[in-house]
Amino acid sequence: MENQDDELEDILGGLEQRISVYERKRKDLQKKREQLGEEIATVEKYLELAKTLYRVEADKAKLASLSIQIASYEKGEVSASDVDVATQSREILLGRSKYVGRSVPDAVYMVLQEIGRPLHAKDLYQRLKEGGMPIRGKTPVTSIATSLKRDPRFRKVGPNTFEVNQSKPLTKVV
């Protein structure tokens, strides 16, 4: 009987040690998870700041370009119909010119890279429109879908739903 009691005490002692080890391990992992959460939050703040700075610098470059166009217009080198500088400046300042001057696939590529997930052509159209890209025609959603189907940078993942094709190189033949 005493032998069984000793054996039982050994088993219980071993289990108590395991419980203690697992509790310490859990505490350590929880602390690491907390630290990772804080690091992720910090990185997200820096990422948002970098994106904002990028947009500001891009808008500065656009405004500089418009200034050159204004100077050219004043010198008589460009006709008034070629440049509606006031409208373009207003659009830049309002942040609605993000995709102006880009092709549909290039603008969609920017959108999908920012979002990081597939989007339906209807959602892409809405984002392009908000970004100042004029898409003419009776069926702009179909036009977008058709142009993406033809571009190897995109992969169709559902009906009129596309994502960036990570397996294709991003270089363009000139």
N, C-alpha and C. Protein backbone atom coordinates (compact mmCIF):
# COMPACT_ATOMS: atom_id res chain seq x y z
N MET A 1 0.81 -1.18 0.00
CA MET A 1 0.00 0.00 0.00
C MET A 1 0.86 1.26 0.00
N GLU A 2 1.91 1.21 0.82
CA GLU A 2 2.82 2.35 0.89
C GLU A 2 3.49 2.57 -0.45
N ASN A 3 3.78 1.52 -1.16
CA ASN A 3 4.41 1.59 -2.47
C ASN A 3 3.48 2.32 -3.46
N GLN A 4 2.20 2.03 -3.38
CA GLN A 4 1.23 2.67 -4.26
C GLN A 4 1.10 4.16 -3.92
N ASP A 5 1.14 4.49 -2.63
CA ASP A 5 1.07 5.89 -2.22
C ASP A 5 2.28 6.67 -2.72
N ASP A 6 3.46 6.08 -2.64
CA ASP A 6 4.67 6.73 -3.15
C ASP A 6 4.57 6.94 -4.66
N GLU A 7 4.08 5.92 -5.34
CA GLU A 7 3.94 6.00 -6.79
C GLU A 7 2.93 7.10 -7.17
N LEU A 8 1.84 7.16 -6.42
CA LEU A 8 0.82 8.19 -6.68
C LEU A 8 1.38 9.58 -6.41
N GLU A 9 2.14 9.72 -5.33
CA GLU A 9 2.77 11.02 -5.02
C GLU A 9 3.75 11.42 -6.11
N ASP A 10 4.51 10.46 -6.63
CA ASP A 10 5.43 10.75 -7.73
C ASP A 10 4.67 11.23 -8.97
N ILE A 11 3.60 10.58 -9.28
CA ILE A 11 2.79 10.96 -10.46
C ILE A 11 2.22 12.36 -10.26
N LEU A 12 1.66 12.61 -9.07
CA LEU A 12 1.09 13.92 -8.78
C LEU A 12 2.16 15.01 -8.80
N GLY A 13 3.32 14.71 -8.24
CA GLY A 13 4.43 15.67 -8.24
C GLY A 13 4.87 15.99 -9.67
N GLY A 14 4.97 14.97 -10.53
CA GLY A 14 5.34 15.19 -11.92
C GLY A 14 4.31 16.03 -12.66
N LEU A 15 3.03 15.75 -12.38
CA LEU A 15 1.96 16.53 -13.03
C LEU A 15 1.96 17.98 -12.55
N GLU A 16 2.23 18.21 -11.28
CA GLU A 16 2.31 19.58 -10.76
C GLU A 16 3.45 20.34 -11.44
N GLN A 17 4.58 19.66 -11.64
CA GLN A 17 5.71 20.30 -12.33
C GLN A 17 5.33 20.66 -13.77
N ARG A 18 4.65 19.75 -14.46
CA ARG A 18 4.23 20.02 -15.84
C ARG A 18 3.27 21.22 -15.89
N ILE A 19 2.33 21.23 -14.94
CA ILE A 19 1.37 22.34 -14.89
C ILE A 19 2.11 23.65 -14.69
N SER A 20 3.07 23.65 -13.79
CA SER A 20 3.85 24.85 -13.50
C SER A 20 4.62 25.31 -14.75
N VAL A 21 5.23 24.35 -15.44
CA VAL A 21 5.99 24.68 -16.66
C VAL A 21 5.05 25.26 -17.72
N TYR A 22 3.90 24.63 -17.92
CA TYR A 22 2.96 25.09 -18.95
C TYR A 22 2.39 26.48 -18.59
N GLU A 23 2.16 26.73 -17.32
CA GLU A 23 1.66 28.05 -16.91
C GLU A 23 2.71 29.13 -17.18
N ARG A 24 3.97 28.84 -16.90
CA ARG A 24 5.05 29.80 -17.19
C ARG A 24 5.15 30.04 -18.70
N LYS A 25 5.06 28.96 -19.45
CA LYS A 25 5.15 29.05 -20.92
C LYS A 25 4.00 29.91 -21.45
N ARG A 26 2.79 29.68 -20.91
CA ARG A 26 1.63 30.46 -21.34
C ARG A 26 1.82 31.94 -21.02
N LYS A 27 2.33 32.26 -19.82
CA LYS A 27 2.58 33.65 -19.44
C LYS A 27 3.59 34.29 -20.38
N ASP A 28 4.66 33.57 -20.69
CA ASP A 28 5.68 34.09 -21.61
C ASP A 28 5.08 34.36 -22.98
N LEU A 29 4.28 33.43 -23.48
CA LEU A 29 3.67 33.60 -24.80
C LEU A 29 2.68 34.76 -24.81
N GLN A 30 1.92 34.93 -23.72
CA GLN A 30 0.98 36.04 -23.64
C GLN A 30 1.74 37.37 -23.65
N LYS A 31 2.85 37.42 -22.95
CA LYS A 31 3.66 38.63 -22.92
C LYS A 31 4.20 38.93 -24.33
N LYS A 32 4.67 37.88 -25.02
CA LYS A 32 5.17 38.07 -26.40
C LYS A 32 4.05 38.54 -27.32
N ARG A 33 2.85 37.98 -27.15
CA ARG A 33 1.71 38.38 -27.98
C ARG A 33 1.40 39.86 -27.75
N GLU A 34 1.45 40.30 -26.50
CA GLU A 34 1.22 41.70 -26.18
C GLU A 34 2.25 42.59 -26.86
N GLN A 35 3.53 42.17 -26.78
CA GLN A 35 4.60 42.95 -27.40
C GLN A 35 4.42 43.00 -28.91
N LEU A 36 4.05 41.88 -29.52
CA LEU A 36 3.82 41.86 -30.97
C LEU A 36 2.65 42.76 -31.34
N GLY A 37 1.61 42.75 -30.53
CA GLY A 37 0.47 43.63 -30.80
C GLY A 37 0.89 45.09 -30.78
N GLU A 38 1.72 45.46 -29.82
CA GLU A 38 2.22 46.83 -29.74
C GLU A 38 3.10 47.16 -30.94
N GLU A 39 3.95 46.22 -31.34
CA GLU A 39 4.81 46.44 -32.50
C GLU A 39 3.98 46.59 -33.78
N ILE A 40 2.96 45.76 -33.92
CA ILE A 40 2.09 45.84 -35.09
C ILE A 40 1.41 47.21 -35.13
N ALA A 41 0.91 47.66 -33.99
CA ALA A 41 0.24 48.97 -33.94
C ALA A 41 1.20 50.08 -34.34
N THR A 42 2.43 50.00 -33.88
CA THR A 42 3.44 51.01 -34.22
C THR A 42 3.74 50.98 -35.71
N VAL A 43 3.94 49.78 -36.26
CA VAL A 43 4.23 49.66 -37.69
C VAL A 43 3.05 50.18 -38.52
N GLU A 44 1.83 49.89 -38.09
CA GLU A 44 0.66 50.39 -38.82
C GLU A 44 0.62 51.91 -38.81
N LYS A 45 0.99 52.53 -37.70
CA LYS A 45 1.03 54.00 -37.64
C LYS A 45 2.08 54.55 -38.60
N TYR A 46 3.28 53.93 -38.60
CA TYR A 46 4.34 54.37 -39.51
C TYR A 46 3.94 54.15 -40.97
N LEU A 47 3.27 53.05 -41.24
CA LEU A 47 2.82 52.77 -42.60
C LEU A 47 1.82 53.83 -43.06
N GLU A 48 0.87 54.15 -42.23
CA GLU A 48 -0.12 55.17 -42.59
C GLU A 48 0.56 56.52 -42.79
N LEU A 49 1.51 56.84 -41.94
CA LEU A 49 2.25 58.09 -42.09
C LEU A 49 3.02 58.11 -43.41
N ALA A 50 3.67 57.00 -43.74
CA ALA A 50 4.42 56.92 -44.99
C ALA A 50 3.49 57.07 -46.20
N LYS A 51 2.33 56.44 -46.14
CA LYS A 51 1.37 56.57 -47.25
C LYS A 51 0.89 58.01 -47.39
N THR A 52 0.65 58.67 -46.26
CA THR A 52 0.22 60.06 -46.30
C THR A 52 1.32 60.94 -46.89
N LEU A 53 2.55 60.74 -46.45
CA LEU A 53 3.67 61.52 -46.99
C LEU A 53 3.84 61.27 -48.48
N TYR A 54 3.65 60.02 -48.89
CA TYR A 54 3.76 59.68 -50.31
C TYR A 54 2.71 60.46 -51.11
N ARG A 55 1.47 60.47 -50.62
CA ARG A 55 0.41 61.19 -51.34
C ARG A 55 0.71 62.68 -51.40
N VAL A 56 1.23 63.24 -50.30
CA VAL A 56 1.57 64.67 -50.28
C VAL A 56 2.66 64.96 -51.31
N GLU A 57 3.70 64.13 -51.32
CA GLU A 57 4.80 64.36 -52.27
C GLU A 57 4.34 64.18 -53.72
N ALA A 58 3.47 63.19 -53.94
CA ALA A 58 2.95 62.99 -55.30
C ALA A 58 2.12 64.20 -55.72
N ASP A 59 1.32 64.73 -54.81
CA ASP A 59 0.52 65.91 -55.13
C ASP A 59 1.42 67.12 -55.37
N LYS A 60 2.50 67.24 -54.61
CA LYS A 60 3.45 68.34 -54.84
C LYS A 60 4.03 68.26 -56.25
N ALA A 61 4.38 67.03 -56.65
CA ALA A 61 4.95 66.85 -57.99
C ALA A 61 3.92 67.23 -59.05
N LYS A 62 2.66 66.85 -58.83
CA LYS A 62 1.62 67.20 -59.80
C LYS A 62 1.44 68.71 -59.87
N LEU A 63 1.45 69.37 -58.71
CA LEU A 63 1.31 70.82 -58.69
C LEU A 63 2.50 71.50 -59.38
N ALA A 64 3.69 70.95 -59.17
CA ALA A 64 4.87 71.50 -59.85
C ALA A 64 4.72 71.37 -61.35
N SER A 65 4.23 70.23 -61.80
CA SER A 65 3.99 70.01 -63.22
C SER A 65 2.97 71.00 -63.75
N LEU A 66 1.92 71.24 -62.97
CA LEU A 66 0.91 72.22 -63.40
C LEU A 66 1.48 73.62 -63.45
N SER A 67 2.38 73.94 -62.52
CA SER A 67 3.03 75.25 -62.55
C SER A 67 3.81 75.44 -63.84
N ILE A 68 4.48 74.40 -64.27
CA ILE A 68 5.23 74.45 -65.53
C ILE A 68 4.26 74.65 -66.69
N GLN A 69 3.11 73.95 -66.63
CA GLN A 69 2.11 74.11 -67.68
C GLN A 69 1.55 75.53 -67.69
N ILE A 70 1.35 76.11 -66.51
CA ILE A 70 0.86 77.49 -66.43
C ILE A 70 1.88 78.43 -67.07
N ALA A 71 3.15 78.24 -66.70
CA ALA A 71 4.20 79.09 -67.27
C ALA A 71 4.24 78.95 -68.79
N SER A 72 4.10 77.72 -69.28
CA SER A 72 4.09 77.50 -70.73
C SER A 72 2.89 78.19 -71.36
N TYR A 73 1.76 78.13 -70.70
CA TYR A 73 0.54 78.75 -71.22
C TYR A 73 0.71 80.27 -71.27
N GLU A 74 1.28 80.82 -70.20
CA GLU A 74 1.48 82.27 -70.16
C GLU A 74 2.45 82.74 -71.23
N LYS A 75 3.39 81.88 -71.60
CA LYS A 75 4.34 82.23 -72.66
C LYS A 75 3.74 81.99 -74.04
N GLY A 76 2.54 81.42 -74.06
CA GLY A 76 1.88 81.17 -75.33
C GLY A 76 2.28 79.87 -75.98
N GLU A 77 2.94 78.99 -75.23
CA GLU A 77 3.40 77.72 -75.81
C GLU A 77 2.31 76.66 -75.82
N VAL A 78 1.26 76.81 -75.00
CA VAL A 78 0.18 75.83 -74.90
C VAL A 78 -1.14 76.56 -75.02
N SER A 79 -2.08 75.98 -75.73
CA SER A 79 -3.39 76.62 -75.88
C SER A 79 -4.24 76.37 -74.63
N ALA A 80 -5.20 77.24 -74.40
CA ALA A 80 -6.05 77.12 -73.22
C ALA A 80 -6.86 75.84 -73.24
N SER A 81 -7.22 75.35 -74.42
CA SER A 81 -8.01 74.13 -74.49
C SER A 81 -7.19 72.89 -74.10
N ASP A 82 -5.87 72.98 -74.22
CA ASP A 82 -5.02 71.84 -73.86
C ASP A 82 -4.90 71.65 -72.36
N VAL A 83 -5.01 72.75 -71.62
CA VAL A 83 -4.79 72.68 -70.17
C VAL A 83 -5.89 73.41 -69.43
N ASP A 84 -6.62 72.69 -68.62
CA ASP A 84 -7.57 73.31 -67.71
C ASP A 84 -6.93 73.25 -66.34
N VAL A 85 -5.97 74.14 -66.13
CA VAL A 85 -5.13 74.10 -64.94
C VAL A 85 -5.94 74.30 -63.67
N ALA A 86 -6.88 75.18 -63.69
CA ALA A 86 -7.67 75.44 -62.48
C ALA A 86 -8.39 74.18 -62.03
N THR A 87 -9.00 73.48 -62.97
CA THR A 87 -9.72 72.24 -62.62
C THR A 87 -8.75 71.19 -62.11
N GLN A 88 -7.62 71.03 -62.81
CA GLN A 88 -6.64 70.03 -62.38
C GLN A 88 -6.09 70.36 -61.00
N SER A 89 -5.80 71.62 -60.74
CA SER A 89 -5.28 72.02 -59.43
C SER A 89 -6.29 71.74 -58.33
N ARG A 90 -7.55 72.08 -58.61
CA ARG A 90 -8.60 71.84 -57.62
C ARG A 90 -8.72 70.34 -57.31
N GLU A 91 -8.67 69.52 -58.35
CA GLU A 91 -8.77 68.07 -58.16
C GLU A 91 -7.60 67.54 -57.34
N ILE A 92 -6.41 68.04 -57.61
CA ILE A 92 -5.23 67.61 -56.84
C ILE A 92 -5.40 68.00 -55.37
N LEU A 93 -5.79 69.23 -55.13
CA LEU A 93 -5.93 69.70 -53.76
C LEU A 93 -7.02 68.95 -53.02
N LEU A 94 -8.05 68.52 -53.71
CA LEU A 94 -9.13 67.77 -53.08
C LEU A 94 -8.80 66.28 -52.98
N GLY A 95 -7.67 65.87 -53.54
CA GLY A 95 -7.27 64.47 -53.45
C GLY A 95 -7.99 63.56 -54.41
N ARG A 96 -8.61 64.14 -55.43
CA ARG A 96 -9.40 63.33 -56.36
C ARG A 96 -8.65 63.08 -57.67
N SER A 97 -7.35 63.21 -57.66
CA SER A 97 -6.61 63.04 -58.90
C SER A 97 -5.57 61.94 -58.78
N LYS A 98 -5.79 61.05 -57.89
CA LYS A 98 -4.82 60.00 -57.60
C LYS A 98 -4.47 59.18 -58.83
N TYR A 99 -5.43 58.93 -59.70
CA TYR A 99 -5.21 58.05 -60.84
C TYR A 99 -5.22 58.77 -62.18
N VAL A 100 -5.31 60.10 -62.16
CA VAL A 100 -5.34 60.85 -63.41
C VAL A 100 -4.03 60.62 -64.17
N GLY A 101 -4.17 60.38 -65.47
CA GLY A 101 -2.99 60.19 -66.31
C GLY A 101 -2.49 58.76 -66.35
N ARG A 102 -3.13 57.88 -65.64
CA ARG A 102 -2.73 56.47 -65.63
C ARG A 102 -3.70 55.67 -66.48
N SER A 103 -3.22 54.53 -66.94
CA SER A 103 -4.11 53.61 -67.65
C SER A 103 -4.98 52.91 -66.61
N VAL A 104 -6.08 52.33 -67.06
CA VAL A 104 -6.96 51.61 -66.14
C VAL A 104 -6.20 50.49 -65.43
N PRO A 105 -5.45 49.62 -66.15
CA PRO A 105 -4.73 48.56 -65.44
C PRO A 105 -3.71 49.09 -64.44
N ASP A 106 -3.02 50.19 -64.78
CA ASP A 106 -2.04 50.74 -63.84
C ASP A 106 -2.72 51.26 -62.57
N ALA A 107 -3.84 51.95 -62.75
CA ALA A 107 -4.58 52.48 -61.60
C ALA A 107 -5.15 51.34 -60.75
N VAL A 108 -5.69 50.32 -61.41
CA VAL A 108 -6.24 49.17 -60.68
C VAL A 108 -5.13 48.45 -59.92
N TYR A 109 -3.96 48.35 -60.53
CA TYR A 109 -2.82 47.73 -59.85
C TYR A 109 -2.52 48.47 -58.55
N MET A 110 -2.53 49.81 -58.61
CA MET A 110 -2.30 50.61 -57.40
C MET A 110 -3.37 50.32 -56.34
N VAL A 111 -4.62 50.28 -56.77
CA VAL A 111 -5.73 50.03 -55.84
C VAL A 111 -5.56 48.67 -55.16
N LEU A 112 -5.32 47.64 -55.97
CA LEU A 112 -5.22 46.28 -55.41
C LEU A 112 -4.00 46.14 -54.50
N GLN A 113 -2.90 46.82 -54.83
CA GLN A 113 -1.71 46.77 -53.97
C GLN A 113 -2.03 47.42 -52.62
N GLU A 114 -2.76 48.54 -52.65
CA GLU A 114 -3.11 49.23 -51.40
C GLU A 114 -4.05 48.38 -50.55
N ILE A 115 -5.06 47.79 -51.19
CA ILE A 115 -6.08 47.04 -50.48
C ILE A 115 -5.54 45.70 -49.99
N GLY A 116 -4.77 45.03 -50.86
CA GLY A 116 -4.18 43.75 -50.48
C GLY A 116 -5.12 42.56 -50.56
N ARG A 117 -6.21 42.73 -51.28
CA ARG A 117 -7.15 41.61 -51.44
C ARG A 117 -7.89 41.79 -52.77
N PRO A 118 -8.51 40.73 -53.27
CA PRO A 118 -9.25 40.84 -54.53
C PRO A 118 -10.45 41.78 -54.41
N LEU A 119 -10.79 42.44 -55.52
CA LEU A 119 -11.96 43.31 -55.56
C LEU A 119 -12.77 43.04 -56.82
N HIS A 120 -14.06 43.23 -56.73
CA HIS A 120 -14.96 43.11 -57.88
C HIS A 120 -14.79 44.35 -58.76
N ALA A 121 -15.01 44.20 -60.05
CA ALA A 121 -14.85 45.30 -61.00
C ALA A 121 -15.72 46.50 -60.62
N LYS A 122 -16.87 46.26 -60.03
CA LYS A 122 -17.76 47.36 -59.61
C LYS A 122 -17.09 48.18 -58.50
N ASP A 123 -16.44 47.51 -57.56
CA ASP A 123 -15.73 48.21 -56.49
C ASP A 123 -14.51 48.94 -57.04
N LEU A 124 -13.84 48.30 -57.98
CA LEU A 124 -12.68 48.94 -58.61
C LEU A 124 -13.12 50.21 -59.33
N TYR A 125 -14.22 50.13 -60.06
CA TYR A 125 -14.75 51.30 -60.77
C TYR A 125 -15.02 52.43 -59.79
N GLN A 126 -15.65 52.12 -58.66
CA GLN A 126 -15.97 53.14 -57.66
C GLN A 126 -14.70 53.81 -57.14
N ARG A 127 -13.68 53.01 -56.85
CA ARG A 127 -12.43 53.56 -56.32
C ARG A 127 -11.71 54.41 -57.36
N LEU A 128 -11.73 53.97 -58.60
CA LEU A 128 -11.09 54.75 -59.68
C LEU A 128 -11.82 56.07 -59.86
N LYS A 129 -13.13 56.03 -59.82
CA LYS A 129 -13.94 57.24 -59.97
C LYS A 129 -13.64 58.21 -58.83
N GLU A 130 -13.55 57.70 -57.61
CA GLU A 130 -13.23 58.54 -56.45
C GLU A 130 -11.83 59.12 -56.56
N GLY A 131 -10.93 58.39 -57.23
CA GLY A 131 -9.55 58.85 -57.39
C GLY A 131 -9.35 59.75 -58.59
N GLY A 132 -10.44 60.12 -59.26
CA GLY A 132 -10.35 61.09 -60.34
C GLY A 132 -10.14 60.51 -61.71
N MET A 133 -10.26 59.21 -61.87
CA MET A 133 -10.05 58.61 -63.18
C MET A 133 -11.36 58.62 -63.96
N PRO A 134 -11.38 59.31 -65.09
CA PRO A 134 -12.60 59.30 -65.91
C PRO A 134 -12.66 58.02 -66.74
N ILE A 135 -13.73 57.27 -66.58
CA ILE A 135 -13.93 56.06 -67.39
C ILE A 135 -15.23 56.28 -68.16
N ARG A 136 -15.07 56.45 -69.45
CA ARG A 136 -16.22 56.75 -70.28
C ARG A 136 -16.80 55.46 -70.85
N GLY A 137 -17.98 55.57 -71.36
CA GLY A 137 -18.62 54.42 -71.98
C GLY A 137 -19.89 54.04 -71.26
N LYS A 138 -20.67 53.23 -71.93
CA LYS A 138 -21.95 52.81 -71.35
C LYS A 138 -21.79 51.78 -70.24
N THR A 139 -20.73 50.97 -70.33
CA THR A 139 -20.52 49.90 -69.34
C THR A 139 -19.10 49.95 -68.79
N PRO A 140 -18.81 50.91 -67.90
CA PRO A 140 -17.45 51.06 -67.39
C PRO A 140 -16.96 49.83 -66.61
N VAL A 141 -17.86 49.17 -65.90
CA VAL A 141 -17.46 47.98 -65.12
C VAL A 141 -16.97 46.89 -66.07
N THR A 142 -17.69 46.70 -67.17
CA THR A 142 -17.28 45.70 -68.16
C THR A 142 -15.97 46.10 -68.82
N SER A 143 -15.80 47.38 -69.08
CA SER A 143 -14.55 47.87 -69.68
C SER A 143 -13.35 47.57 -68.77
N ILE A 144 -13.54 47.81 -67.48
CA ILE A 144 -12.46 47.54 -66.52
C ILE A 144 -12.15 46.05 -66.51
N ALA A 145 -13.19 45.22 -66.39
CA ALA A 145 -12.99 43.77 -66.33
C ALA A 145 -12.27 43.27 -67.58
N THR A 146 -12.66 43.77 -68.74
CA THR A 146 -12.04 43.35 -70.00
C THR A 146 -10.57 43.73 -70.04
N SER A 147 -10.25 44.95 -69.62
CA SER A 147 -8.84 45.36 -69.67
C SER A 147 -7.99 44.57 -68.68
N LEU A 148 -8.58 44.15 -67.55
CA LEU A 148 -7.82 43.37 -66.57
C LEU A 148 -7.61 41.94 -67.03
N LYS A 149 -8.59 41.39 -67.74
CA LYS A 149 -8.46 40.03 -68.26
C LYS A 149 -7.30 39.94 -69.25
N ARG A 150 -7.03 41.03 -69.94
CA ARG A 150 -5.97 41.06 -70.96
C ARG A 150 -4.59 41.35 -70.39
N ASP A 151 -4.53 41.76 -69.14
CA ASP A 151 -3.26 42.16 -68.53
C ASP A 151 -2.73 41.02 -67.65
N PRO A 152 -1.50 40.55 -67.90
CA PRO A 152 -0.97 39.42 -67.12
C PRO A 152 -0.68 39.75 -65.66
N ARG A 153 -0.74 41.02 -65.28
CA ARG A 153 -0.51 41.38 -63.88
C ARG A 153 -1.69 41.00 -62.99
N PHE A 154 -2.82 40.64 -63.60
CA PHE A 154 -4.03 40.37 -62.83
C PHE A 154 -4.50 38.94 -63.04
N ARG A 155 -5.14 38.44 -62.01
CA ARG A 155 -5.69 37.09 -62.06
C ARG A 155 -7.15 37.17 -61.65
N LYS A 156 -8.00 36.53 -62.45
CA LYS A 156 -9.43 36.51 -62.15
C LYS A 156 -9.67 35.43 -61.10
N VAL A 157 -10.32 35.82 -59.98
CA VAL A 157 -10.55 34.88 -58.89
C VAL A 157 -12.04 34.60 -58.67
N GLY A 158 -12.87 35.25 -59.46
CA GLY A 158 -14.31 35.06 -59.37
C GLY A 158 -14.95 35.86 -60.49
N PRO A 159 -16.27 35.83 -60.59
CA PRO A 159 -16.92 36.61 -61.63
C PRO A 159 -16.60 38.10 -61.48
N ASN A 160 -15.91 38.64 -62.47
CA ASN A 160 -15.50 40.05 -62.48
C ASN A 160 -14.74 40.47 -61.22
N THR A 161 -14.06 39.52 -60.59
CA THR A 161 -13.29 39.79 -59.37
C THR A 161 -11.83 39.47 -59.66
N PHE A 162 -10.94 40.42 -59.32
CA PHE A 162 -9.54 40.30 -59.71
C PHE A 162 -8.62 40.57 -58.52
N GLU A 163 -7.41 39.98 -58.62
CA GLU A 163 -6.35 40.25 -57.67
C GLU A 163 -5.06 40.40 -58.44
N VAL A 164 -4.02 40.90 -57.76
CA VAL A 164 -2.72 41.02 -58.38
C VAL A 164 -2.14 39.62 -58.54
N ASN A 165 -1.66 39.31 -59.72
CA ASN A 165 -1.08 38.00 -59.99
C ASN A 165 0.36 38.01 -59.50
N GLN A 166 0.60 37.41 -58.35
CA GLN A 166 1.93 37.44 -57.73
C GLN A 166 2.95 36.60 -58.48
N SER A 167 2.48 35.69 -59.31
CA SER A 167 3.42 34.80 -60.01
C SER A 167 4.02 35.42 -61.26
N LYS A 168 3.45 36.53 -61.74
CA LYS A 168 3.94 37.18 -62.95
C LYS A 168 4.93 38.26 -62.56
N PRO A 169 6.01 38.43 -63.34
CA PRO A 169 6.94 39.52 -63.08
C PRO A 169 6.26 40.86 -63.36
N LEU A 170 6.69 41.89 -62.68
CA LEU A 170 6.04 43.19 -62.79
C LEU A 170 6.73 44.09 -63.81
N THR A 171 7.59 43.55 -64.65
CA THR A 171 8.28 44.38 -65.63
C THR A 171 7.44 44.51 -66.88
N LYS A 172 7.55 45.66 -67.52
CA LYS A 172 6.83 45.92 -68.74
C LYS A 172 7.80 45.94 -69.90
N VAL A 173 7.38 45.38 -71.03
CA VAL A 173 8.20 45.44 -72.23
C VAL A 173 7.96 46.79 -72.87
N VAL A 174 9.04 47.48 -73.21
CA VAL A 174 8.91 48.81 -73.80
C VAL A 174 9.25 48.75 -75.26
